[in-house]
Amino acid sequence: MKLINFYNQAVRFGRAVDPRRDKRGITSFSDSAILFGKLNTEVNKIMVGIDIEVAELLLADRIRQKEGLDLVVAHHPEGKAYAGLHEVMSLQVDLLRQAGLAYKTAFRLIEERMLEVERRVLPQNHTRPVDAARLLNMPFINLHTPADNHVYRFLYRLFKQKHTAPRLVGDVVKILKTIPEYQVAEKFNTGPRIILGNSKRPVGKILFEMTGGTEGSKDVFVKLYKAGVRTLVSMHLSEEHLKKVKDANLNVVIAGHISSDTLGLNLLLDNIEKSAKQQFQVVACSGFTRFRRG
């Protein structure tokens, strides 16, 4: 499979599982990109990691020298994709509307947060790993929201099934621990856990915070409670956001950041492999573990 086809397939599958109800305007994701490389590069062996920086690219170059390597795939954005991170946060407006918030309220809260993230990201040195890839002549891409959309859809559907639907907050953790990516995290003491509420509380209506760039507005939680949400299932939660969640009396289950990213990447890679009718040789690094499903 050529590099351009690999990337385009990732975007296509990311769009297919996007939680927005109207997908007509989704043609790309601003936090994902071909960061360096010739579009017609033939891709058979890939190195995949959650965070790919200069060190991982140097490692990739060494592996290429010893045994061959065609492409490095990062999850988290670098280069122009990092600079565009704030743009994909508009996805969260739809998630908040589906949770019961009015459009104007959801839009205002997310717009404020998008501007905050844009200001935070703007002064960063975005191109360091991309420059390293160019100097090493190493094909390099990142896939962020297309992978995050996959983990959102996977967990949303899992928790909606009658035989797996959780009744108590503790059931959420039990369900997550049946998933291989979270089982690996458990071995490293970073597995799913309850950080607010307790295992015996009713789970109620769940909001999955798994996609949409990064954490949303810290002022949304009381409004979510009023809309009927009782439990957040999140990749991660900052201390600033945690204080606001406490005030809203919501339950919070942290599924895990790197493990959730790994799950999303695995599901996305599965789809690309099925489409290509080939299995890529995968060198896993930087927190990623390859699991294939079906």
C-alpha atoms as a PDB file:
ATOM      1  CA  MET A   1       0.000   0.000   0.000  1.00  0.00           C
ATOM      2  CA  LYS A   2       1.330   3.448  -0.879  1.00  0.00           C
ATOM      3  CA  LEU A   3       1.749   6.101   1.817  1.00  0.00           C
ATOM      4  CA  ILE A   4      -0.943   8.376   0.390  1.00  0.00           C
ATOM      5  CA  ASN A   5      -3.416   5.478   0.310  1.00  0.00           C
ATOM      6  CA  PHE A   6      -2.523   4.450   3.857  1.00  0.00           C
ATOM      7  CA  TYR A   7      -3.196   7.974   5.087  1.00  0.00           C
ATOM      8  CA  ASN A   8      -6.359   8.472   3.038  1.00  0.00           C
ATOM      9  CA  GLN A   9      -7.758   5.196   4.333  1.00  0.00           C
ATOM     10  CA  ALA A  10      -7.104   6.333   7.908  1.00  0.00           C
ATOM     11  CA  VAL A  11      -9.050   9.541   7.253  1.00  0.00           C
ATOM     12  CA  ARG A  12     -11.861   7.601   5.574  1.00  0.00           C
ATOM     13  CA  PHE A  13     -12.263   5.196   8.462  1.00  0.00           C
ATOM     14  CA  GLY A  14     -11.963   8.036  10.989  1.00  0.00           C
ATOM     15  CA  ARG A  15     -14.804   9.807   9.209  1.00  0.00           C
ATOM     16  CA  ALA A  16     -16.924   6.644   9.132  1.00  0.00           C
ATOM     17  CA  VAL A  17     -16.891   6.323  12.930  1.00  0.00           C
ATOM     18  CA  ASP A  18     -17.002  10.048  13.696  1.00  0.00           C
ATOM     19  CA  PRO A  19     -19.624  10.699  16.409  1.00  0.00           C
ATOM     20  CA  ARG A  20     -21.028  13.737  14.631  1.00  0.00           C
ATOM     21  CA  ARG A  21     -24.439  13.016  13.172  1.00  0.00           C
ATOM     22  CA  ASP A  22     -23.794  15.106  10.077  1.00  0.00           C
ATOM     23  CA  LYS A  23     -20.611  13.837   8.430  1.00  0.00           C
ATOM     24  CA  ARG A  24     -21.042  15.582   5.082  1.00  0.00           C
ATOM     25  CA  GLY A  25     -18.500  18.315   5.807  1.00  0.00           C
ATOM     26  CA  ILE A  26     -15.795  16.007   7.197  1.00  0.00           C
ATOM     27  CA  THR A  27     -13.121  15.690   4.525  1.00  0.00           C
ATOM     28  CA  SER A  28     -10.001  15.813   6.710  1.00  0.00           C
ATOM     29  CA  PHE A  29      -8.820  16.160  10.311  1.00  0.00           C
ATOM     30  CA  SER A  30      -6.641  19.159  11.127  1.00  0.00           C
ATOM     31  CA  ASP A  31      -4.756  17.288  13.889  1.00  0.00           C
ATOM     32  CA  SER A  32      -3.619  14.490  11.549  1.00  0.00           C
ATOM     33  CA  ALA A  33      -1.191  14.788   8.644  1.00  0.00           C
ATOM     34  CA  ILE A  34       1.472  13.355   6.405  1.00  0.00           C
ATOM     35  CA  LEU A  35       4.283  15.220   8.135  1.00  0.00           C
ATOM     36  CA  PHE A  36       7.101  14.095   5.842  1.00  0.00           C
ATOM     37  CA  GLY A  37       7.589  11.595   3.053  1.00  0.00           C
ATOM     38  CA  LYS A  38       6.944  10.862  -0.603  1.00  0.00           C
ATOM     39  CA  LEU A  39       3.308  10.049  -1.250  1.00  0.00           C
ATOM     40  CA  ASN A  40       4.138   7.048  -3.426  1.00  0.00           C
ATOM     41  CA  THR A  41       6.329   5.373  -0.781  1.00  0.00           C
ATOM     42  CA  GLU A  42       5.406   1.683  -0.560  1.00  0.00           C
ATOM     43  CA  VAL A  43       4.368   0.816   2.995  1.00  0.00           C
ATOM     44  CA  ASN A  44       4.815  -2.686   4.400  1.00  0.00           C
ATOM     45  CA  LYS A  45       6.682  -2.252   7.681  1.00  0.00           C
ATOM     46  CA  ILE A  46       5.713   0.508  10.105  1.00  0.00           C
ATOM     47  CA  MET A  47       6.857   1.758  13.479  1.00  0.00           C
ATOM     48  CA  VAL A  48       3.899   2.899  15.603  1.00  0.00           C
ATOM     49  CA  GLY A  49       4.014   4.905  18.819  1.00  0.00           C
ATOM     50  CA  ILE A  50       1.774   7.170  20.856  1.00  0.00           C
ATOM     51  CA  ASP A  51       4.368   9.958  20.998  1.00  0.00           C
ATOM     52  CA  ILE A  52       7.044  10.134  18.330  1.00  0.00           C
ATOM     53  CA  GLU A  53       9.783  12.657  18.982  1.00  0.00           C
ATOM     54  CA  VAL A  54      13.374  12.991  17.808  1.00  0.00           C
ATOM     55  CA  ALA A  55      14.562  10.051  19.942  1.00  0.00           C
ATOM     56  CA  GLU A  56      12.007   7.653  18.431  1.00  0.00           C
ATOM     57  CA  LEU A  57      12.874   8.825  14.926  1.00  0.00           C
ATOM     58  CA  LEU A  58      16.556   8.122  15.554  1.00  0.00           C
ATOM     59  CA  LEU A  59      15.568   4.672  16.815  1.00  0.00           C
ATOM     60  CA  ALA A  60      13.466   4.182  13.687  1.00  0.00           C
ATOM     61  CA  ASP A  61      16.444   5.109  11.509  1.00  0.00           C
ATOM     62  CA  ARG A  62      18.582   2.514  13.312  1.00  0.00           C
ATOM     63  CA  ILE A  63      15.916  -0.149  12.815  1.00  0.00           C
ATOM     64  CA  ARG A  64      15.703   0.804   9.140  1.00  0.00           C
ATOM     65  CA  GLN A  65      19.470   0.311   8.800  1.00  0.00           C
ATOM     66  CA  LYS A  66      19.358  -3.112  10.474  1.00  0.00           C
ATOM     67  CA  GLU A  67      16.170  -4.693   9.152  1.00  0.00           C
ATOM     68  CA  GLY A  68      14.242  -2.204   7.052  1.00  0.00           C
ATOM     69  CA  LEU A  69      11.376   0.185   7.840  1.00  0.00           C
ATOM     70  CA  ASP A  70       9.016   2.125   5.585  1.00  0.00           C
ATOM     71  CA  LEU A  71       7.020   4.516   7.770  1.00  0.00           C
ATOM     72  CA  VAL A  72       6.764   5.955  11.274  1.00  0.00           C
ATOM     73  CA  VAL A  73       3.223   6.484  12.593  1.00  0.00           C
ATOM     74  CA  ALA A  74       2.594   8.702  15.613  1.00  0.00           C
ATOM     75  CA  HIS A  75      -0.700   9.195  17.397  1.00  0.00           C
ATOM     76  CA  HIS A  76      -0.222  12.582  19.015  1.00  0.00           C
ATOM     77  CA  PRO A  77       0.119  15.505  16.622  1.00  0.00           C
ATOM     78  CA  GLU A  78       3.379  17.113  15.593  1.00  0.00           C
ATOM     79  CA  GLY A  79       4.199  19.906  13.159  1.00  0.00           C
ATOM     80  CA  LYS A  80       1.236  21.460  11.371  1.00  0.00           C
ATOM     81  CA  ALA A  81      -1.076  18.863  12.907  1.00  0.00           C
ATOM     82  CA  TYR A  82      -0.166  20.080  16.402  1.00  0.00           C
ATOM     83  CA  ALA A  83      -0.737  23.671  15.321  1.00  0.00           C
ATOM     84  CA  GLY A  84      -4.181  22.595  14.078  1.00  0.00           C
ATOM     85  CA  LEU A  85      -5.175  20.682  17.215  1.00  0.00           C
ATOM     86  CA  HIS A  86      -7.678  23.280  18.417  1.00  0.00           C
ATOM     87  CA  GLU A  87      -9.699  23.101  15.193  1.00  0.00           C
ATOM     88  CA  VAL A  88     -10.922  19.523  15.731  1.00  0.00           C
ATOM     89  CA  MET A  89     -12.389  20.509  19.105  1.00  0.00           C
ATOM     90  CA  SER A  90     -15.523  21.690  17.303  1.00  0.00           C
ATOM     91  CA  LEU A  91     -16.450  17.985  17.282  1.00  0.00           C
ATOM     92  CA  GLN A  92     -17.222  18.342  20.990  1.00  0.00           C
ATOM     93  CA  VAL A  93     -20.136  20.669  20.263  1.00  0.00           C
ATOM     94  CA  ASP A  94     -22.012  17.720  18.766  1.00  0.00           C
ATOM     95  CA  LEU A  95     -21.157  15.472  21.711  1.00  0.00           C
ATOM     96  CA  LEU A  96     -22.487  18.040  24.172  1.00  0.00           C
ATOM     97  CA  ARG A  97     -25.650  18.494  22.137  1.00  0.00           C
ATOM     98  CA  GLN A  98     -26.176  14.722  22.132  1.00  0.00           C
ATOM     99  CA  ALA A  99     -25.727  14.821  25.921  1.00  0.00           C
ATOM    100  CA  GLY A 100     -28.589  17.315  26.184  1.00  0.00           C
ATOM    101  CA  LEU A 101     -27.021  20.781  26.088  1.00  0.00           C
ATOM    102  CA  ALA A 102     -28.449  23.539  23.912  1.00  0.00           C
ATOM    103  CA  TYR A 103     -26.459  24.271  20.760  1.00  0.00           C
ATOM    104  CA  LYS A 104     -25.704  27.884  21.710  1.00  0.00           C
ATOM    105  CA  THR A 105     -24.420  26.862  25.131  1.00  0.00           C
ATOM    106  CA  ALA A 106     -22.275  24.037  23.754  1.00  0.00           C
ATOM    107  CA  PHE A 107     -20.877  26.236  20.971  1.00  0.00           C
ATOM    108  CA  ARG A 108     -19.980  29.090  23.327  1.00  0.00           C
ATOM    109  CA  LEU A 109     -18.199  26.832  25.807  1.00  0.00           C
ATOM    110  CA  ILE A 110     -16.209  24.955  23.169  1.00  0.00           C
ATOM    111  CA  GLU A 111     -15.351  28.097  21.218  1.00  0.00           C
ATOM    112  CA  GLU A 112     -13.834  29.655  24.356  1.00  0.00           C
ATOM    113  CA  ARG A 113     -11.840  26.501  25.039  1.00  0.00           C
ATOM    114  CA  MET A 114     -10.655  26.262  21.421  1.00  0.00           C
ATOM    115  CA  LEU A 115      -9.233  29.772  21.622  1.00  0.00           C
ATOM    116  CA  GLU A 116      -7.508  28.893  24.898  1.00  0.00           C
ATOM    117  CA  VAL A 117      -5.896  25.792  23.371  1.00  0.00           C
ATOM    118  CA  GLU A 118      -4.872  27.737  20.262  1.00  0.00           C
ATOM    119  CA  ARG A 119      -3.091  30.318  22.438  1.00  0.00           C
ATOM    120  CA  ARG A 120      -1.372  27.577  24.433  1.00  0.00           C
ATOM    121  CA  VAL A 121      -0.150  25.703  21.363  1.00  0.00           C
ATOM    122  CA  LEU A 122       0.810  28.702  19.202  1.00  0.00           C
ATOM    123  CA  PRO A 123       4.239  29.500  20.757  1.00  0.00           C
ATOM    124  CA  GLN A 124       5.419  25.874  20.831  1.00  0.00           C
ATOM    125  CA  ASN A 125       8.253  24.605  18.622  1.00  0.00           C
ATOM    126  CA  HIS A 126       5.980  22.499  16.426  1.00  0.00           C
ATOM    127  CA  THR A 127       8.444  21.254  13.839  1.00  0.00           C
ATOM    128  CA  ARG A 128      11.254  19.621  15.855  1.00  0.00           C
ATOM    129  CA  PRO A 129      10.335  15.975  15.124  1.00  0.00           C
ATOM    130  CA  VAL A 130       9.279  16.851  11.572  1.00  0.00           C
ATOM    131  CA  ASP A 131      12.655  18.477  10.955  1.00  0.00           C
ATOM    132  CA  ALA A 132      14.344  15.358  12.327  1.00  0.00           C
ATOM    133  CA  ALA A 133      12.296  13.158   9.988  1.00  0.00           C
ATOM    134  CA  ARG A 134      13.306  15.353   7.049  1.00  0.00           C
ATOM    135  CA  LEU A 135      16.990  15.190   7.959  1.00  0.00           C
ATOM    136  CA  LEU A 136      16.756  11.411   8.312  1.00  0.00           C
ATOM    137  CA  ASN A 137      14.614  11.122   5.160  1.00  0.00           C
ATOM    138  CA  MET A 138      12.138   9.132   7.261  1.00  0.00           C
ATOM    139  CA  PRO A 139       8.462   9.020   6.167  1.00  0.00           C
ATOM    140  CA  PHE A 140       6.416  10.261   9.118  1.00  0.00           C
ATOM    141  CA  ILE A 141       2.680  10.707   9.708  1.00  0.00           C
ATOM    142  CA  ASN A 142       0.374  11.151  12.668  1.00  0.00           C
ATOM    143  CA  LEU A 143      -3.200   9.962  13.161  1.00  0.00           C
ATOM    144  CA  HIS A 144      -5.016  11.599  16.068  1.00  0.00           C
ATOM    145  CA  THR A 145      -8.769  12.157  15.782  1.00  0.00           C
ATOM    146  CA  PRO A 146      -9.242   9.255  13.315  1.00  0.00           C
ATOM    147  CA  ALA A 147      -7.945   6.921  16.049  1.00  0.00           C
ATOM    148  CA  ASP A 148      -9.758   8.690  18.903  1.00  0.00           C
ATOM    149  CA  ASN A 149     -13.029   8.401  16.992  1.00  0.00           C
ATOM    150  CA  HIS A 150     -12.507   4.639  16.889  1.00  0.00           C
ATOM    151  CA  VAL A 151     -12.129   4.282  20.653  1.00  0.00           C
ATOM    152  CA  TYR A 152     -15.171   6.492  21.200  1.00  0.00           C
ATOM    153  CA  ARG A 153     -17.328   4.353  18.905  1.00  0.00           C
ATOM    154  CA  PHE A 154     -15.982   1.087  20.347  1.00  0.00           C
ATOM    155  CA  LEU A 155     -16.716   2.007  23.976  1.00  0.00           C
ATOM    156  CA  TYR A 156     -20.043   3.685  23.203  1.00  0.00           C
ATOM    157  CA  ARG A 157     -21.307   0.548  21.467  1.00  0.00           C
ATOM    158  CA  LEU A 158     -19.877  -1.789  24.101  1.00  0.00           C
ATOM    159  CA  PHE A 159     -21.625   0.043  26.924  1.00  0.00           C
ATOM    160  CA  LYS A 160     -24.922   0.137  25.027  1.00  0.00           C
ATOM    161  CA  GLN A 161     -25.155  -3.645  24.679  1.00  0.00           C
ATOM    162  CA  LYS A 162     -27.746  -5.153  26.986  1.00  0.00           C
ATOM    163  CA  HIS A 163     -25.467  -7.870  28.337  1.00  0.00           C
ATOM    164  CA  THR A 164     -22.615  -5.433  29.094  1.00  0.00           C
ATOM    165  CA  ALA A 165     -24.461  -2.231  30.029  1.00  0.00           C
ATOM    166  CA  PRO A 166     -23.159  -1.080  33.440  1.00  0.00           C
ATOM    167  CA  ARG A 167     -25.539  -0.466  36.341  1.00  0.00           C
ATOM    168  CA  LEU A 168     -23.040   0.800  38.920  1.00  0.00           C
ATOM    169  CA  VAL A 169     -19.899   2.917  38.528  1.00  0.00           C
ATOM    170  CA  GLY A 170     -17.821  -0.090  39.536  1.00  0.00           C
ATOM    171  CA  ASP A 171     -19.251  -2.006  36.578  1.00  0.00           C
ATOM    172  CA  VAL A 172     -17.648   0.529  34.222  1.00  0.00           C
ATOM    173  CA  VAL A 173     -14.194  -0.355  35.511  1.00  0.00           C
ATOM    174  CA  LYS A 174     -14.941  -4.085  35.307  1.00  0.00           C
ATOM    175  CA  ILE A 175     -15.988  -3.772  31.652  1.00  0.00           C
ATOM    176  CA  LEU A 176     -12.913  -1.736  30.732  1.00  0.00           C
ATOM    177  CA  LYS A 177     -10.648  -4.309  32.356  1.00  0.00           C
ATOM    178  CA  THR A 178     -11.902  -6.968  29.934  1.00  0.00           C
ATOM    179  CA  ILE A 179     -10.258  -5.065  27.040  1.00  0.00           C
ATOM    180  CA  PRO A 180      -6.646  -6.102  26.209  1.00  0.00           C
ATOM    181  CA  GLU A 181      -5.267  -2.564  25.962  1.00  0.00           C
ATOM    182  CA  TYR A 182      -6.523  -1.725  29.451  1.00  0.00           C
ATOM    183  CA  GLN A 183      -5.268  -5.058  30.781  1.00  0.00           C
ATOM    184  CA  VAL A 184      -1.754  -4.088  29.666  1.00  0.00           C
ATOM    185  CA  ALA A 185      -2.163  -0.728  31.408  1.00  0.00           C
ATOM    186  CA  GLU A 186      -3.227  -2.545  34.577  1.00  0.00           C
ATOM    187  CA  LYS A 187       0.125  -4.367  34.623  1.00  0.00           C
ATOM    188  CA  PHE A 188       1.883  -0.999  34.683  1.00  0.00           C
ATOM    189  CA  ASN A 189      -0.377   0.412  37.420  1.00  0.00           C
ATOM    190  CA  THR A 190      -2.115   2.749  34.976  1.00  0.00           C
ATOM    191  CA  GLY A 191      -5.316   0.762  34.507  1.00  0.00           C
ATOM    192  CA  PRO A 192      -8.898   2.057  34.681  1.00  0.00           C
ATOM    193  CA  ARG A 193      -9.981   3.542  37.987  1.00  0.00           C
ATOM    194  CA  ILE A 194     -12.634   5.645  39.688  1.00  0.00           C
ATOM    195  CA  ILE A 195     -11.306   9.071  40.681  1.00  0.00           C
ATOM    196  CA  LEU A 196     -14.637  10.618  41.721  1.00  0.00           C
ATOM    197  CA  GLY A 197     -17.650   8.855  43.170  1.00  0.00           C
ATOM    198  CA  ASN A 198     -17.541   5.256  44.335  1.00  0.00           C
ATOM    199  CA  SER A 199     -18.139   1.825  42.881  1.00  0.00           C
ATOM    200  CA  LYS A 200     -21.607   1.466  44.437  1.00  0.00           C
ATOM    201  CA  ARG A 201     -23.112   4.629  42.966  1.00  0.00           C
ATOM    202  CA  PRO A 202     -25.548   4.258  40.049  1.00  0.00           C
ATOM    203  CA  VAL A 203     -23.783   4.968  36.789  1.00  0.00           C
ATOM    204  CA  GLY A 204     -26.699   6.822  35.211  1.00  0.00           C
ATOM    205  CA  LYS A 205     -26.212   8.555  31.870  1.00  0.00           C
ATOM    206  CA  ILE A 206     -22.604   8.334  30.617  1.00  0.00           C
ATOM    207  CA  LEU A 207     -20.618  10.847  28.597  1.00  0.00           C
ATOM    208  CA  PHE A 208     -17.511   9.402  26.910  1.00  0.00           C
ATOM    209  CA  GLU A 209     -14.659  11.909  26.697  1.00  0.00           C
ATOM    210  CA  MET A 210     -12.525  10.062  24.173  1.00  0.00           C
ATOM    211  CA  THR A 211     -12.328  12.304  21.109  1.00  0.00           C
ATOM    212  CA  GLY A 212     -12.359  15.943  20.101  1.00  0.00           C
ATOM    213  CA  GLY A 213      -8.698  16.942  20.312  1.00  0.00           C
ATOM    214  CA  THR A 214      -8.186  17.537  24.014  1.00  0.00           C
ATOM    215  CA  GLU A 215     -10.112  18.332  27.187  1.00  0.00           C
ATOM    216  CA  GLY A 216     -13.136  20.537  26.664  1.00  0.00           C
ATOM    217  CA  SER A 217     -14.473  23.408  28.740  1.00  0.00           C
ATOM    218  CA  LYS A 218     -14.029  23.244  32.497  1.00  0.00           C
ATOM    219  CA  ASP A 219     -17.309  25.137  32.922  1.00  0.00           C
ATOM    220  CA  VAL A 220     -19.522  22.501  31.323  1.00  0.00           C
ATOM    221  CA  PHE A 221     -19.933  19.985  34.135  1.00  0.00           C
ATOM    222  CA  VAL A 222     -22.801  21.551  36.121  1.00  0.00           C
ATOM    223  CA  LYS A 223     -24.680  21.941  32.849  1.00  0.00           C
ATOM    224  CA  LEU A 224     -24.053  18.280  32.033  1.00  0.00           C
ATOM    225  CA  TYR A 225     -25.461  17.266  35.408  1.00  0.00           C
ATOM    226  CA  LYS A 226     -28.574  19.342  34.747  1.00  0.00           C
ATOM    227  CA  ALA A 227     -28.892  17.599  31.367  1.00  0.00           C
ATOM    228  CA  GLY A 228     -28.957  14.220  33.116  1.00  0.00           C
ATOM    229  CA  VAL A 229     -25.340  13.066  32.790  1.00  0.00           C
ATOM    230  CA  ARG A 230     -24.087  11.298  35.917  1.00  0.00           C
ATOM    231  CA  THR A 231     -20.803   9.658  34.887  1.00  0.00           C
ATOM    232  CA  LEU A 232     -17.835  10.707  32.782  1.00  0.00           C
ATOM    233  CA  VAL A 233     -15.616   8.057  31.219  1.00  0.00           C
ATOM    234  CA  SER A 234     -12.465   9.953  30.264  1.00  0.00           C
ATOM    235  CA  MET A 235      -8.957   9.350  28.993  1.00  0.00           C
ATOM    236  CA  HIS A 236      -7.593  11.861  31.487  1.00  0.00           C
ATOM    237  CA  LEU A 237      -8.683  14.875  33.553  1.00  0.00           C
ATOM    238  CA  SER A 238      -6.601  17.866  34.602  1.00  0.00           C
ATOM    239  CA  GLU A 239      -6.634  19.107  38.192  1.00  0.00           C
ATOM    240  CA  GLU A 240      -8.377  22.302  37.086  1.00  0.00           C
ATOM    241  CA  HIS A 241     -11.142  20.297  35.440  1.00  0.00           C
ATOM    242  CA  LEU A 242     -11.319  17.865  38.373  1.00  0.00           C
ATOM    243  CA  LYS A 243     -12.218  20.666  40.802  1.00  0.00           C
ATOM    244  CA  LYS A 244     -15.131  21.696  38.590  1.00  0.00           C
ATOM    245  CA  VAL A 245     -16.341  18.099  38.251  1.00  0.00           C
ATOM    246  CA  LYS A 246     -16.409  17.762  42.048  1.00  0.00           C
ATOM    247  CA  ASP A 247     -18.680  20.783  42.259  1.00  0.00           C
ATOM    248  CA  ALA A 248     -21.051  19.109  39.789  1.00  0.00           C
ATOM    249  CA  ASN A 249     -21.151  15.848  41.814  1.00  0.00           C
ATOM    250  CA  LEU A 250     -20.391  13.700  38.778  1.00  0.00           C
ATOM    251  CA  ASN A 251     -18.771  10.275  38.855  1.00  0.00           C
ATOM    252  CA  VAL A 252     -15.511  10.055  36.919  1.00  0.00           C
ATOM    253  CA  VAL A 253     -13.855   6.899  35.613  1.00  0.00           C
ATOM    254  CA  ILE A 254     -10.422   7.403  34.083  1.00  0.00           C
ATOM    255  CA  ALA A 255     -10.021   4.703  31.453  1.00  0.00           C
ATOM    256  CA  GLY A 256      -6.408   5.659  30.819  1.00  0.00           C
ATOM    257  CA  HIS A 257      -4.714   7.978  28.358  1.00  0.00           C
ATOM    258  CA  ILE A 258      -2.070   5.885  26.601  1.00  0.00           C
ATOM    259  CA  SER A 259      -4.174   2.720  26.778  1.00  0.00           C
ATOM    260  CA  SER A 260      -7.175   4.464  25.206  1.00  0.00           C
ATOM    261  CA  ASP A 261      -4.965   5.914  22.476  1.00  0.00           C
ATOM    262  CA  THR A 262      -3.577   2.431  21.887  1.00  0.00           C
ATOM    263  CA  LEU A 263      -7.077   0.976  21.577  1.00  0.00           C
ATOM    264  CA  GLY A 264      -8.040   3.599  19.014  1.00  0.00           C
ATOM    265  CA  LEU A 265      -4.913   3.044  16.941  1.00  0.00           C
ATOM    266  CA  ASN A 266      -5.381  -0.720  16.985  1.00  0.00           C
ATOM    267  CA  LEU A 267      -8.964  -0.459  15.763  1.00  0.00           C
ATOM    268  CA  LEU A 268      -7.938   1.983  13.038  1.00  0.00           C
ATOM    269  CA  LEU A 269      -5.021  -0.208  11.906  1.00  0.00           C
ATOM    270  CA  ASP A 270      -7.340  -3.223  11.811  1.00  0.00           C
ATOM    271  CA  ASN A 271      -9.591  -1.390   9.375  1.00  0.00           C
ATOM    272  CA  ILE A 272      -6.698  -0.259   7.188  1.00  0.00           C
ATOM    273  CA  GLU A 273      -5.294  -3.796   7.064  1.00  0.00           C
ATOM    274  CA  LYS A 274      -8.673  -5.262   6.117  1.00  0.00           C
ATOM    275  CA  SER A 275      -9.035  -2.672   3.370  1.00  0.00           C
ATOM    276  CA  ALA A 276      -5.492  -3.316   2.089  1.00  0.00           C
ATOM    277  CA  LYS A 277      -5.918  -7.094   2.410  1.00  0.00           C
ATOM    278  CA  GLN A 278      -2.504  -7.257   4.055  1.00  0.00           C
ATOM    279  CA  GLN A 279      -1.000  -7.259   7.516  1.00  0.00           C
ATOM    280  CA  PHE A 280       1.681  -4.672   8.066  1.00  0.00           C
ATOM    281  CA  GLN A 281       4.791  -5.576   9.986  1.00  0.00           C
ATOM    282  CA  VAL A 282       4.466  -3.440  13.109  1.00  0.00           C
ATOM    283  CA  VAL A 283       7.276  -2.284  15.366  1.00  0.00           C
ATOM    284  CA  ALA A 284       5.509  -1.082  18.515  1.00  0.00           C
ATOM    285  CA  CYS A 285       7.085   1.659  20.628  1.00  0.00           C
ATOM    286  CA  SER A 286       6.340   4.664  22.825  1.00  0.00           C
ATOM    287  CA  GLY A 287       3.503   3.137  24.836  1.00  0.00           C
ATOM    288  CA  PHE A 288       1.806   1.323  21.951  1.00  0.00           C
ATOM    289  CA  THR A 289       1.054  -2.411  21.905  1.00  0.00           C
ATOM    290  CA  ARG A 290      -0.411  -4.047  18.795  1.00  0.00           C
ATOM    291  CA  PHE A 291      -3.550  -6.135  19.246  1.00  0.00           C
ATOM    292  CA  ARG A 292      -5.464  -7.386  16.232  1.00  0.00           C
ATOM    293  CA  ARG A 293      -9.192  -8.124  16.364  1.00  0.00           C
ATOM    294  CA  GLY A 294     -10.908 -10.526  14.024  1.00  0.00           C
END
